[in-house]
PDB file of N, CA and C in Angstrom:
ATOM      1  N   MET A   1     129.224 105.800 150.644  1.00  0.00           N
ATOM      2  CA  MET A   1     129.411 107.262 150.130  1.00  0.00           C
ATOM      3  C   MET A   1     130.943 107.868 149.932  1.00  0.00           C
ATOM      4  N   LYS A   2     131.867 107.207 150.685  1.00  0.00           N
ATOM      5  CA  LYS A   2     132.949 107.570 150.960  1.00  0.00           C
ATOM      6  C   LYS A   2     133.610 107.379 149.541  1.00  0.00           C
ATOM      7  N   TYR A   3     133.418 105.918 149.061  1.00  0.00           N
ATOM      8  CA  TYR A   3     133.942 105.637 147.672  1.00  0.00           C
ATOM      9  C   TYR A   3     133.261 106.202 146.392  1.00  0.00           C
ATOM     10  N   SER A   4     132.157 106.779 146.402  1.00  0.00           N
ATOM     11  CA  SER A   4     131.443 107.242 145.235  1.00  0.00           C
ATOM     12  C   SER A   4     132.067 108.468 144.676  1.00  0.00           C
ATOM     13  N   ILE A   5     132.729 109.313 145.579  1.00  0.00           N
ATOM     14  CA  ILE A   5     133.530 110.477 144.985  1.00  0.00           C
ATOM     15  C   ILE A   5     134.827 109.962 144.408  1.00  0.00           C
ATOM     16  N   VAL A   6     135.449 109.070 145.092  1.00  0.00           N
ATOM     17  CA  VAL A   6     136.790 108.633 144.453  1.00  0.00           C
ATOM     18  C   VAL A   6     136.550 107.845 142.996  1.00  0.00           C
ATOM     19  N   LEU A   7     135.624 106.955 143.270  1.00  0.00           N
ATOM     20  CA  LEU A   7     135.299 106.090 142.071  1.00  0.00           C
ATOM     21  C   LEU A   7     134.931 106.868 140.801  1.00  0.00           C
ATOM     22  N   SER A   8     134.088 108.016 141.001  1.00  0.00           N
ATOM     23  CA  SER A   8     133.759 109.031 139.857  1.00  0.00           C
ATOM     24  C   SER A   8     134.931 109.674 139.420  1.00  0.00           C
ATOM     25  N   ALA A   9     135.818 110.225 140.453  1.00  0.00           N
ATOM     26  CA  ALA A   9     137.190 110.932 139.925  1.00  0.00           C
ATOM     27  C   ALA A   9     138.093 109.989 138.808  1.00  0.00           C
ATOM     28  N   ALA A  10     138.120 108.903 139.593  1.00  0.00           N
ATOM     29  CA  ALA A  10     139.025 107.681 138.787  1.00  0.00           C
ATOM     30  C   ALA A  10     138.302 107.564 137.613  1.00  0.00           C
ATOM     31  N   LEU A  11     136.815 107.593 137.257  1.00  0.00           N
ATOM     32  CA  LEU A  11     136.136 107.246 136.148  1.00  0.00           C
ATOM     33  C   LEU A  11     136.358 108.448 135.074  1.00  0.00           C
ATOM     34  N   VAL A  12     136.257 109.615 135.545  1.00  0.00           N
ATOM     35  CA  VAL A  12     136.687 110.922 134.933  1.00  0.00           C
ATOM     36  C   VAL A  12     138.056 110.789 134.191  1.00  0.00           C
ATOM     37  N   ALA A  13     138.869 110.420 135.179  1.00  0.00           N
ATOM     38  CA  ALA A  13     140.491 110.512 134.883  1.00  0.00           C
ATOM     39  C   ALA A  13     140.572 109.584 133.567  1.00  0.00           C
ATOM     40  N   MET A  14     140.164 108.412 133.650  1.00  0.00           N
ATOM     41  CA  MET A  14     140.414 107.337 132.762  1.00  0.00           C
ATOM     42  C   MET A  14     139.485 107.786 131.238  1.00  0.00           C
ATOM     43  N   SER A  15     138.561 108.030 131.411  1.00  0.00           N
ATOM     44  CA  SER A  15     137.634 108.431 130.063  1.00  0.00           C
ATOM     45  C   SER A  15     138.554 109.638 129.466  1.00  0.00           C
ATOM     46  N   LEU A  16     139.086 110.746 130.332  1.00  0.00           N
ATOM     47  CA  LEU A  16     139.873 111.756 129.563  1.00  0.00           C
ATOM     48  C   LEU A  16     141.338 111.145 129.097  1.00  0.00           C
ATOM     49  N   ALA A  17     141.734 110.304 129.701  1.00  0.00           N
ATOM     50  CA  ALA A  17     142.895 109.701 129.199  1.00  0.00           C
ATOM     51  C   ALA A  17     142.753 108.810 128.020  1.00  0.00           C
ATOM     52  N   ALA A  18     141.439 108.183 127.634  1.00  0.00           N
ATOM     53  CA  ALA A  18     141.348 107.623 126.617  1.00  0.00           C
ATOM     54  C   ALA A  18     141.253 108.385 125.461  1.00  0.00           C
ATOM     55  N   CYS A  19     141.028 109.449 125.437  1.00  0.00           N
ATOM     56  CA  CYS A  19     140.892 110.453 124.430  1.00  0.00           C
ATOM     57  C   CYS A  19     141.960 110.466 123.486  1.00  0.00           C
ATOM     58  N   ASP A  20     141.849 110.298 122.055  1.00  0.00           N
ATOM     59  CA  ASP A  20     143.094 110.346 121.245  1.00  0.00           C
ATOM     60  C   ASP A  20     142.890 111.523 120.439  1.00  0.00           C
ATOM     61  N   ARG A  21     143.585 112.434 120.511  1.00  0.00           N
ATOM     62  CA  ARG A  21     143.627 113.857 119.720  1.00  0.00           C
ATOM     63  C   ARG A  21     144.639 113.692 118.786  1.00  0.00           C
ATOM     64  N   THR A  22     144.232 114.206 117.670  1.00  0.00           N
ATOM     65  CA  THR A  22     145.112 114.429 116.440  1.00  0.00           C
ATOM     66  C   THR A  22     145.565 115.830 116.409  1.00  0.00           C
ATOM     67  N   ALA A  23     146.840 115.827 115.925  1.00  0.00           N
ATOM     68  CA  ALA A  23     147.450 117.305 115.764  1.00  0.00           C
ATOM     69  C   ALA A  23     147.207 117.978 114.566  1.00  0.00           C
ATOM     70  N   VAL A  24     146.645 119.336 114.856  1.00  0.00           N
ATOM     71  CA  VAL A  24     146.031 120.186 114.042  1.00  0.00           C
ATOM     72  C   VAL A  24     147.084 120.987 113.393  1.00  0.00           C
ATOM     73  N   VAL A  25     147.304 120.864 111.995  1.00  0.00           N
ATOM     74  CA  VAL A  25     148.261 121.731 111.443  1.00  0.00           C
ATOM     75  C   VAL A  25     147.761 122.873 110.686  1.00  0.00           C
ATOM     76  N   ALA A  26     148.372 124.086 110.874  1.00  0.00           N
ATOM     77  CA  ALA A  26     147.604 125.183 110.184  1.00  0.00           C
ATOM     78  C   ALA A  26     148.254 125.471 108.831  1.00  0.00           C
ATOM     79  N   PRO A  27     147.530 125.503 107.847  1.00  0.00           N
ATOM     80  CA  PRO A  27     148.359 125.859 106.265  1.00  0.00           C
ATOM     81  C   PRO A  27     148.954 126.964 106.385  1.00  0.00           C
ATOM     82  N   VAL A  28     150.107 127.138 105.694  1.00  0.00           N
ATOM     83  CA  VAL A  28     150.783 128.104 105.531  1.00  0.00           C
ATOM     84  C   VAL A  28     150.230 129.041 104.228  1.00  0.00           C
ATOM     85  N   ALA A  29     150.160 130.636 104.648  1.00  0.00           N
ATOM     86  CA  ALA A  29     149.536 131.298 103.687  1.00  0.00           C
ATOM     87  C   ALA A  29     150.633 131.655 102.550  1.00  0.00           C
ATOM     88  N   VAL A  30     150.194 131.584 101.242  1.00  0.00           N
ATOM     89  CA  VAL A  30     151.126 131.827 100.232  1.00  0.00           C
ATOM     90  C   VAL A  30     150.724 133.124  99.783  1.00  0.00           C
ATOM     91  N   PRO A  31     151.948 134.121  99.685  1.00  0.00           N
ATOM     92  CA  PRO A  31     151.268 135.551  99.122  1.00  0.00           C
ATOM     93  C   PRO A  31     151.012 135.465  97.717  1.00  0.00           C
ATOM     94  N   VAL A  32     149.861 136.108  97.415  1.00  0.00           N
ATOM     95  CA  VAL A  32     149.415 136.350  95.974  1.00  0.00           C
ATOM     96  C   VAL A  32     149.823 137.787  95.648  1.00  0.00           C
ATOM     97  N   PRO A  33     150.388 137.756  94.419  1.00  0.00           N
ATOM     98  CA  PRO A  33     150.786 139.138  93.818  1.00  0.00           C
ATOM     99  C   PRO A  33     149.499 140.096  93.520  1.00  0.00           C
ATOM    100  N   VAL A  34     149.364 141.227  93.738  1.00  0.00           N
ATOM    101  CA  VAL A  34     148.341 141.886  93.489  1.00  0.00           C
ATOM    102  C   VAL A  34     148.664 143.076  92.398  1.00  0.00           C
ATOM    103  N   ALA A  35     148.206 143.266  91.259  1.00  0.00           N
ATOM    104  CA  ALA A  35     148.391 144.067  90.176  1.00  0.00           C
ATOM    105  C   ALA A  35     147.879 145.638  90.925  1.00  0.00           C
ATOM    106  N   VAL A  36     149.013 146.615  90.419  1.00  0.00           N
ATOM    107  CA  VAL A  36     148.718 147.996  90.839  1.00  0.00           C
ATOM    108  C   VAL A  36     148.187 148.689  89.589  1.00  0.00           C
ATOM    109  N   PRO A  37     147.269 149.339  89.822  1.00  0.00           N
ATOM    110  CA  PRO A  37     146.645 149.929  88.471  1.00  0.00           C
ATOM    111  C   PRO A  37     147.437 151.127  88.176  1.00  0.00           C
ATOM    112  N   GLY A  38     147.768 151.533  87.033  1.00  0.00           N
ATOM    113  CA  GLY A  38     148.377 152.860  86.626  1.00  0.00           C
ATOM    114  C   GLY A  38     147.398 154.012  86.490  1.00  0.00           C
ATOM    115  N   PRO A  39     148.149 155.077  86.021  1.00  0.00           N
ATOM    116  CA  PRO A  39     147.290 156.458  86.363  1.00  0.00           C
ATOM    117  C   PRO A  39     146.157 156.266  85.436  1.00  0.00           C
ATOM    118  N   ALA A  40     145.223 157.161  85.833  1.00  0.00           N
ATOM    119  CA  ALA A  40     143.855 157.274  84.956  1.00  0.00           C
ATOM    120  C   ALA A  40     144.247 157.972  83.524  1.00  0.00           C
ATOM    121  N   GLY A  41     143.510 157.413  82.511  1.00  0.00           N
ATOM    122  CA  GLY A  41     143.644 157.934  81.166  1.00  0.00           C
ATOM    123  C   GLY A  41     142.908 159.411  80.935  1.00  0.00           C
ATOM    124  N   PRO A  42     142.949 159.740  79.876  1.00  0.00           N
ATOM    125  CA  PRO A  42     142.147 161.340  79.443  1.00  0.00           C
ATOM    126  C   PRO A  42     140.764 160.938  79.587  1.00  0.00           C
ATOM    127  N   THR A  43     139.910 162.079  79.916  1.00  0.00           N
ATOM    128  CA  THR A  43     138.190 161.986  80.088  1.00  0.00           C
ATOM    129  C   THR A  43     137.980 161.959  78.605  1.00  0.00           C
ATOM    130  N   GLY A  44     136.805 161.229  78.237  1.00  0.00           N
ATOM    131  CA  GLY A  44     136.341 160.986  76.818  1.00  0.00           C
ATOM    132  C   GLY A  44     135.443 161.995  76.466  1.00  0.00           C
ATOM    133  N   ALA A  45     135.053 162.268  75.283  1.00  0.00           N
ATOM    134  CA  ALA A  45     134.286 163.429  74.928  1.00  0.00           C
ATOM    135  C   ALA A  45     132.858 163.272  75.505  1.00  0.00           C
ATOM    136  N   THR A  46     131.858 164.513  75.412  1.00  0.00           N
ATOM    137  CA  THR A  46     130.628 164.417  75.910  1.00  0.00           C
ATOM    138  C   THR A  46     129.691 163.933  75.026  1.00  0.00           C
ATOM    139  N   GLY A  47     128.841 163.145  75.240  1.00  0.00           N
ATOM    140  CA  GLY A  47     127.938 162.600  74.150  1.00  0.00           C
ATOM    141  C   GLY A  47     126.835 163.678  73.734  1.00  0.00           C
ATOM    142  N   SER A  48     126.036 163.449  72.720  1.00  0.00           N
ATOM    143  CA  SER A  48     125.051 164.154  72.335  1.00  0.00           C
ATOM    144  C   SER A  48     123.864 164.192  73.090  1.00  0.00           C
ATOM    145  N   THR A  49     122.805 165.468  73.287  1.00  0.00           N
ATOM    146  CA  THR A  49     121.904 165.352  74.101  1.00  0.00           C
ATOM    147  C   THR A  49     120.653 164.591  73.358  1.00  0.00           C
ATOM    148  N   GLY A  50     119.944 163.735  74.031  1.00  0.00           N
ATOM    149  CA  GLY A  50     118.910 162.977  73.381  1.00  0.00           C
ATOM    150  C   GLY A  50     117.495 164.048  72.935  1.00  0.00           C
ATOM    151  N   SER A  51     116.719 163.425  71.841  1.00  0.00           N
ATOM    152  CA  SER A  51     115.539 164.314  71.463  1.00  0.00           C
ATOM    153  C   SER A  51     114.536 164.311  72.754  1.00  0.00           C
ATOM    154  N   THR A  52     113.501 165.039  72.569  1.00  0.00           N
ATOM    155  CA  THR A  52     112.566 165.256  73.511  1.00  0.00           C
ATOM    156  C   THR A  52     111.530 164.565  73.079  1.00  0.00           C
ATOM    157  N   GLY A  53     110.708 163.673  74.090  1.00  0.00           N
ATOM    158  CA  GLY A  53     109.477 163.070  73.476  1.00  0.00           C
ATOM    159  C   GLY A  53     108.522 163.796  72.973  1.00  0.00           C
ATOM    160  N   SER A  54     107.325 163.032  72.229  1.00  0.00           N
ATOM    161  CA  SER A  54     106.310 163.724  71.794  1.00  0.00           C
ATOM    162  C   SER A  54     105.125 163.970  72.890  1.00  0.00           C
ATOM    163  N   THR A  55     104.427 164.852  72.581  1.00  0.00           N
ATOM    164  CA  THR A  55     103.283 165.024  74.023  1.00  0.00           C
ATOM    165  C   THR A  55     102.102 164.681  73.083  1.00  0.00           C
ATOM    166  N   GLY A  56     101.012 164.301  74.284  1.00  0.00           N
ATOM    167  CA  GLY A  56      99.817 164.056  73.959  1.00  0.00           C
ATOM    168  C   GLY A  56      98.886 164.724  73.169  1.00  0.00           C
ATOM    169  N   ALA A  57      97.880 164.534  72.539  1.00  0.00           N
ATOM    170  CA  ALA A  57      97.000 165.539  71.647  1.00  0.00           C
ATOM    171  C   ALA A  57      96.555 166.648  72.448  1.00  0.00           C
ATOM    172  N   MET A  58      96.401 167.585  71.661  1.00  0.00           N
ATOM    173  CA  MET A  58      96.061 169.018  72.319  1.00  0.00           C
ATOM    174  C   MET A  58      94.674 168.873  72.928  1.00  0.00           C
ATOM    175  N   GLY A  59      94.545 168.973  74.254  1.00  0.00           N
ATOM    176  CA  GLY A  59      93.324 169.224  74.757  1.00  0.00           C
ATOM    177  C   GLY A  59      92.524 168.068  75.091  1.00  0.00           C
ATOM    178  N   ASN A  60      93.105 166.896  74.872  1.00  0.00           N
ATOM    179  CA  ASN A  60      92.418 165.462  75.007  1.00  0.00           C
ATOM    180  C   ASN A  60      92.892 164.882  76.076  1.00  0.00           C
ATOM    181  N   THR A  61      92.054 164.809  77.144  1.00  0.00           N
ATOM    182  CA  THR A  61      92.201 164.291  78.505  1.00  0.00           C
ATOM    183  C   THR A  61      91.211 163.203  78.586  1.00  0.00           C
ATOM    184  N   GLY A  62      91.521 162.156  79.411  1.00  0.00           N
ATOM    185  CA  GLY A  62      90.645 160.862  79.560  1.00  0.00           C
ATOM    186  C   GLY A  62      89.217 161.293  80.412  1.00  0.00           C
ATOM    187  N   ASN A  63      88.194 160.622  80.117  1.00  0.00           N
ATOM    188  CA  ASN A  63      87.073 160.884  80.981  1.00  0.00           C
ATOM    189  C   ASN A  63      86.995 160.308  82.453  1.00  0.00           C
ATOM    190  N   THR A  64      86.328 161.141  83.099  1.00  0.00           N
ATOM    191  CA  THR A  64      86.196 160.794  84.690  1.00  0.00           C
ATOM    192  C   THR A  64      85.196 159.581  84.731  1.00  0.00           C
ATOM    193  N   GLY A  65      85.492 158.599  85.521  1.00  0.00           N
ATOM    194  CA  GLY A  65      84.559 157.576  85.709  1.00  0.00           C
ATOM    195  C   GLY A  65      83.321 158.003  86.753  1.00  0.00           C
ATOM    196  N   ASP A  66      82.291 157.373  86.471  1.00  0.00           N
ATOM    197  CA  ASP A  66      80.959 157.551  87.234  1.00  0.00           C
ATOM    198  C   ASP A  66      81.152 157.264  88.595  1.00  0.00           C
ATOM    199  N   THR A  67      80.422 157.953  89.553  1.00  0.00           N
ATOM    200  CA  THR A  67      80.497 157.959  90.988  1.00  0.00           C
ATOM    201  C   THR A  67      79.538 156.609  91.469  1.00  0.00           C
ATOM    202  N   GLY A  68      80.064 155.743  92.180  1.00  0.00           N
ATOM    203  CA  GLY A  68      79.226 154.812  92.696  1.00  0.00           C
ATOM    204  C   GLY A  68      78.056 154.932  93.572  1.00  0.00           C
ATOM    205  N   ASN A  69      77.146 153.987  93.467  1.00  0.00           N
ATOM    206  CA  ASN A  69      75.965 154.182  94.314  1.00  0.00           C
ATOM    207  C   ASN A  69      75.988 153.960  96.104  1.00  0.00           C
ATOM    208  N   THR A  70      75.207 154.658  96.818  1.00  0.00           N
ATOM    209  CA  THR A  70      75.334 154.558  98.168  1.00  0.00           C
ATOM    210  C   THR A  70      74.553 153.208  98.701  1.00  0.00           C
ATOM    211  N   GLY A  71      74.933 152.652  99.362  1.00  0.00           N
ATOM    212  CA  GLY A  71      74.218 151.293  99.762  1.00  0.00           C
ATOM    213  C   GLY A  71      73.107 151.636 100.802  1.00  0.00           C
ATOM    214  N   SER A  72      72.001 150.821 100.748  1.00  0.00           N
ATOM    215  CA  SER A  72      71.060 151.243 101.783  1.00  0.00           C
ATOM    216  C   SER A  72      70.980 150.866 103.124  1.00  0.00           C
ATOM    217  N   THR A  73      70.245 151.807 103.896  1.00  0.00           N
ATOM    218  CA  THR A  73      70.624 151.515 105.409  1.00  0.00           C
ATOM    219  C   THR A  73      69.865 150.224 105.957  1.00  0.00           C
ATOM    220  N   GLY A  74      70.517 149.638 106.805  1.00  0.00           N
ATOM    221  CA  GLY A  74      69.936 148.473 107.334  1.00  0.00           C
ATOM    222  C   GLY A  74      68.864 148.601 108.213  1.00  0.00           C
ATOM    223  N   SER A  75      67.898 147.486 108.462  1.00  0.00           N
ATOM    224  CA  SER A  75      66.762 147.585 109.180  1.00  0.00           C
ATOM    225  C   SER A  75      67.198 147.475 110.848  1.00  0.00           C
ATOM    226  N   ALA A  76      66.333 148.031 111.729  1.00  0.00           N
ATOM    227  CA  ALA A  76      66.864 147.788 113.210  1.00  0.00           C
ATOM    228  C   ALA A  76      66.169 146.581 113.705  1.00  0.00           C
ATOM    229  N   GLY A  77      67.075 146.117 114.605  1.00  0.00           N
ATOM    230  CA  GLY A  77      66.856 144.771 115.092  1.00  0.00           C
ATOM    231  C   GLY A  77      65.378 144.839 116.087  1.00  0.00           C
ATOM    232  N   SER A  78      64.938 143.556 116.231  1.00  0.00           N
ATOM    233  CA  SER A  78      63.786 143.314 117.021  1.00  0.00           C
ATOM    234  C   SER A  78      64.166 143.442 118.796  1.00  0.00           C
ATOM    235  N   THR A  79      63.097 143.968 119.354  1.00  0.00           N
ATOM    236  CA  THR A  79      63.073 143.855 120.811  1.00  0.00           C
ATOM    237  C   THR A  79      63.175 142.525 121.314  1.00  0.00           C
ATOM    238  N   GLY A  80      64.138 142.324 122.215  1.00  0.00           N
ATOM    239  CA  GLY A  80      64.034 141.015 123.149  1.00  0.00           C
ATOM    240  C   GLY A  80      62.866 140.792 123.879  1.00  0.00           C
ATOM    241  N   SER A  81      62.526 139.469 124.475  1.00  0.00           N
ATOM    242  CA  SER A  81      61.341 139.268 125.269  1.00  0.00           C
ATOM    243  C   SER A  81      61.899 139.409 126.679  1.00  0.00           C
ATOM    244  N   THR A  82      60.679 139.818 127.455  1.00  0.00           N
ATOM    245  CA  THR A  82      60.984 139.982 128.762  1.00  0.00           C
ATOM    246  C   THR A  82      61.061 138.667 129.693  1.00  0.00           C
ATOM    247  N   GLY A  83      61.930 138.512 130.534  1.00  0.00           N
ATOM    248  CA  GLY A  83      62.203 137.279 131.298  1.00  0.00           C
ATOM    249  C   GLY A  83      61.055 137.059 132.205  1.00  0.00           C
ATOM    250  N   ALA A  84      60.947 135.698 132.255  1.00  0.00           N
ATOM    251  CA  ALA A  84      59.973 134.986 133.326  1.00  0.00           C
ATOM    252  C   ALA A  84      60.094 135.796 134.745  1.00  0.00           C
ATOM    253  N   THR A  85      58.728 135.496 135.326  1.00  0.00           N
ATOM    254  CA  THR A  85      58.831 136.132 136.909  1.00  0.00           C
ATOM    255  C   THR A  85      59.364 135.013 137.629  1.00  0.00           C
ATOM    256  N   GLY A  86      60.236 135.132 138.628  1.00  0.00           N
ATOM    257  CA  GLY A  86      60.460 134.068 139.585  1.00  0.00           C
ATOM    258  C   GLY A  86      59.501 133.658 140.411  1.00  0.00           C
ATOM    259  N   SER A  87      59.714 132.575 141.126  1.00  0.00           N
ATOM    260  CA  SER A  87      58.651 131.711 141.941  1.00  0.00           C
ATOM    261  C   SER A  87      58.738 132.422 143.356  1.00  0.00           C
ATOM    262  N   THR A  88      57.761 132.212 144.031  1.00  0.00           N
ATOM    263  CA  THR A  88      57.744 132.876 145.246  1.00  0.00           C
ATOM    264  C   THR A  88      58.091 132.090 146.645  1.00  0.00           C
ATOM    265  N   GLY A  89      58.992 132.687 147.405  1.00  0.00           N
ATOM    266  CA  GLY A  89      59.723 131.898 148.391  1.00  0.00           C
ATOM    267  C   GLY A  89      58.493 131.041 149.324  1.00  0.00           C
ATOM    268  N   ASP A  90      59.060 130.057 149.929  1.00  0.00           N
ATOM    269  CA  ASP A  90      58.437 129.305 150.957  1.00  0.00           C
ATOM    270  C   ASP A  90      58.108 130.123 152.267  1.00  0.00           C
ATOM    271  N   THR A  91      57.058 129.834 152.802  1.00  0.00           N
ATOM    272  CA  THR A  91      56.841 130.405 154.469  1.00  0.00           C
ATOM    273  C   THR A  91      57.675 129.887 155.179  1.00  0.00           C
ATOM    274  N   GLY A  92      58.459 130.509 156.032  1.00  0.00           N
ATOM    275  CA  GLY A  92      59.051 129.847 157.098  1.00  0.00           C
ATOM    276  C   GLY A  92      58.368 128.872 158.095  1.00  0.00           C
ATOM    277  N   ALA A  93      59.142 128.102 158.793  1.00  0.00           N
ATOM    278  CA  ALA A  93      58.406 127.190 160.032  1.00  0.00           C
ATOM    279  C   ALA A  93      57.759 127.958 160.728  1.00  0.00           C
ATOM    280  N   THR A  94      56.730 127.485 161.446  1.00  0.00           N
ATOM    281  CA  THR A  94      56.187 128.346 162.572  1.00  0.00           C
ATOM    282  C   THR A  94      56.587 127.635 163.657  1.00  0.00           C
ATOM    283  N   GLY A  95      56.732 128.338 164.799  1.00  0.00           N
ATOM    284  CA  GLY A  95      57.263 127.887 166.119  1.00  0.00           C
ATOM    285  C   GLY A  95      56.330 127.213 166.954  1.00  0.00           C
ATOM    286  N   GLN A  96      56.816 126.530 167.886  1.00  0.00           N
ATOM    287  CA  GLN A  96      55.792 125.858 168.827  1.00  0.00           C
ATOM    288  C   GLN A  96      54.992 126.602 169.771  1.00  0.00           C
ATOM    289  N   ARG A  97      53.743 126.250 169.991  1.00  0.00           N
ATOM    290  CA  ARG A  97      52.680 126.857 170.800  1.00  0.00           C
ATOM    291  C   ARG A  97      53.381 126.917 172.415  1.00  0.00           C
ATOM    292  N   GLY A  98      53.394 128.077 172.940  1.00  0.00           N
ATOM    293  CA  GLY A  98      53.859 128.165 174.528  1.00  0.00           C
ATOM    294  C   GLY A  98      52.929 127.214 175.471  1.00  0.00           C
ATOM    295  N   LYS A  99      53.498 126.578 176.348  1.00  0.00           N
ATOM    296  CA  LYS A  99      52.985 125.490 177.105  1.00  0.00           C
ATOM    297  C   LYS A  99      52.367 126.298 178.426  1.00  0.00           C
ATOM    298  N   THR A 100      51.360 125.917 178.937  1.00  0.00           N
ATOM    299  CA  THR A 100      50.715 126.568 180.234  1.00  0.00           C
ATOM    300  C   THR A 100      50.895 125.256 181.270  1.00  0.00           C
ATOM    301  N   GLY A 101      51.081 125.605 182.525  1.00  0.00           N
ATOM    302  CA  GLY A 101      51.099 124.447 183.469  1.00  0.00           C
ATOM    303  C   GLY A 101      51.094 125.044 185.002  1.00  0.00           C
ATOM    304  N   ASP A 102      51.632 124.319 185.656  1.00  0.00           N
ATOM    305  CA  ASP A 102      51.972 124.469 187.098  1.00  0.00           C
ATOM    306  C   ASP A 102      53.111 125.026 187.229  1.00  0.00           C
ATOM    307  N   THR A 103      53.299 126.081 188.290  1.00  0.00           N
ATOM    308  CA  THR A 103      54.568 126.576 188.487  1.00  0.00           C
ATOM    309  C   THR A 103      55.341 125.620 189.787  1.00  0.00           C
ATOM    310  N   VAL A 104      56.270 125.096 189.511  1.00  0.00           N
ATOM    311  CA  VAL A 104      57.047 124.304 190.294  1.00  0.00           C
ATOM    312  C   VAL A 104      57.848 124.958 191.318  1.00  0.00           C
ATOM    313  N   VAL A 105      57.639 124.960 192.589  1.00  0.00           N
ATOM    314  CA  VAL A 105      58.361 125.655 193.759  1.00  0.00           C
ATOM    315  C   VAL A 105      59.387 124.558 194.190  1.00  0.00           C
ATOM    316  N   VAL A 106      60.869 124.856 194.505  1.00  0.00           N
ATOM    317  CA  VAL A 106      61.607 123.829 195.324  1.00  0.00           C
ATOM    318  C   VAL A 106      61.726 124.389 196.296  1.00  0.00           C
ATOM    319  N   VAL A 107      61.544 123.735 197.426  1.00  0.00           N
ATOM    320  CA  VAL A 107      61.777 123.951 198.877  1.00  0.00           C
ATOM    321  C   VAL A 107      63.054 123.209 199.447  1.00  0.00           C
ATOM    322  N   PRO A 108      64.098 123.981 199.840  1.00  0.00           N
ATOM    323  CA  PRO A 108      65.143 123.081 200.302  1.00  0.00           C
ATOM    324  C   PRO A 108      64.944 122.571 201.578  1.00  0.00           C
ATOM    325  N   VAL A 109      65.457 121.413 201.859  1.00  0.00           N
ATOM    326  CA  VAL A 109      65.459 120.809 203.228  1.00  0.00           C
ATOM    327  C   VAL A 109      66.364 121.389 204.258  1.00  0.00           C
ATOM    328  N   PRO A 110      65.665 121.696 205.244  1.00  0.00           N
ATOM    329  CA  PRO A 110      66.554 122.098 206.461  1.00  0.00           C
ATOM    330  C   PRO A 110      67.720 121.221 206.692  1.00  0.00           C
ATOM    331  N   VAL A 111      68.810 121.644 207.075  1.00  0.00           N
ATOM    332  CA  VAL A 111      69.675 120.869 207.451  1.00  0.00           C
ATOM    333  C   VAL A 111      69.884 120.919 209.002  1.00  0.00           C
ATOM    334  N   PRO A 112      69.973 119.604 209.585  1.00  0.00           N
ATOM    335  CA  PRO A 112      69.749 119.662 211.089  1.00  0.00           C
ATOM    336  C   PRO A 112      71.382 120.409 211.863  1.00  0.00           C
ATOM    337  N   GLN A 113      71.178 121.092 212.680  1.00  0.00           N
ATOM    338  CA  GLN A 113      72.371 121.852 213.160  1.00  0.00           C
ATOM    339  C   GLN A 113      72.897 120.820 214.498  1.00  0.00           C
ATOM    340  N   ARG A 114      74.176 121.038 214.612  1.00  0.00           N
ATOM    341  CA  ARG A 114      74.863 120.101 215.626  1.00  0.00           C
ATOM    342  C   ARG A 114      75.401 120.987 216.841  1.00  0.00           C
TER     343      ARG A 114
END
């Protein structure tokens, strides 16, 4: 672990030193002469007005198209069928019948006194 950092630093230093950079020379800008425009000349004469176009024939307008037919109303869908009745549940288990019998009385044995 001690040597891994040192080894990686040496590897980075060698890889950067191995790069060969070429010098970049910026091209020198050559000034280009720009022509300066002179003063504006006199305004030209106004042109003549164009003629008005012809209008359509008097009172002759196009016909209005016919109105389309209304579609028919669709029929109502049929009623769905009723679902099946569920099955009846099972009867629960019956408990055991109570037992009858003798009553047992436990009598403690007397302890002898000393």
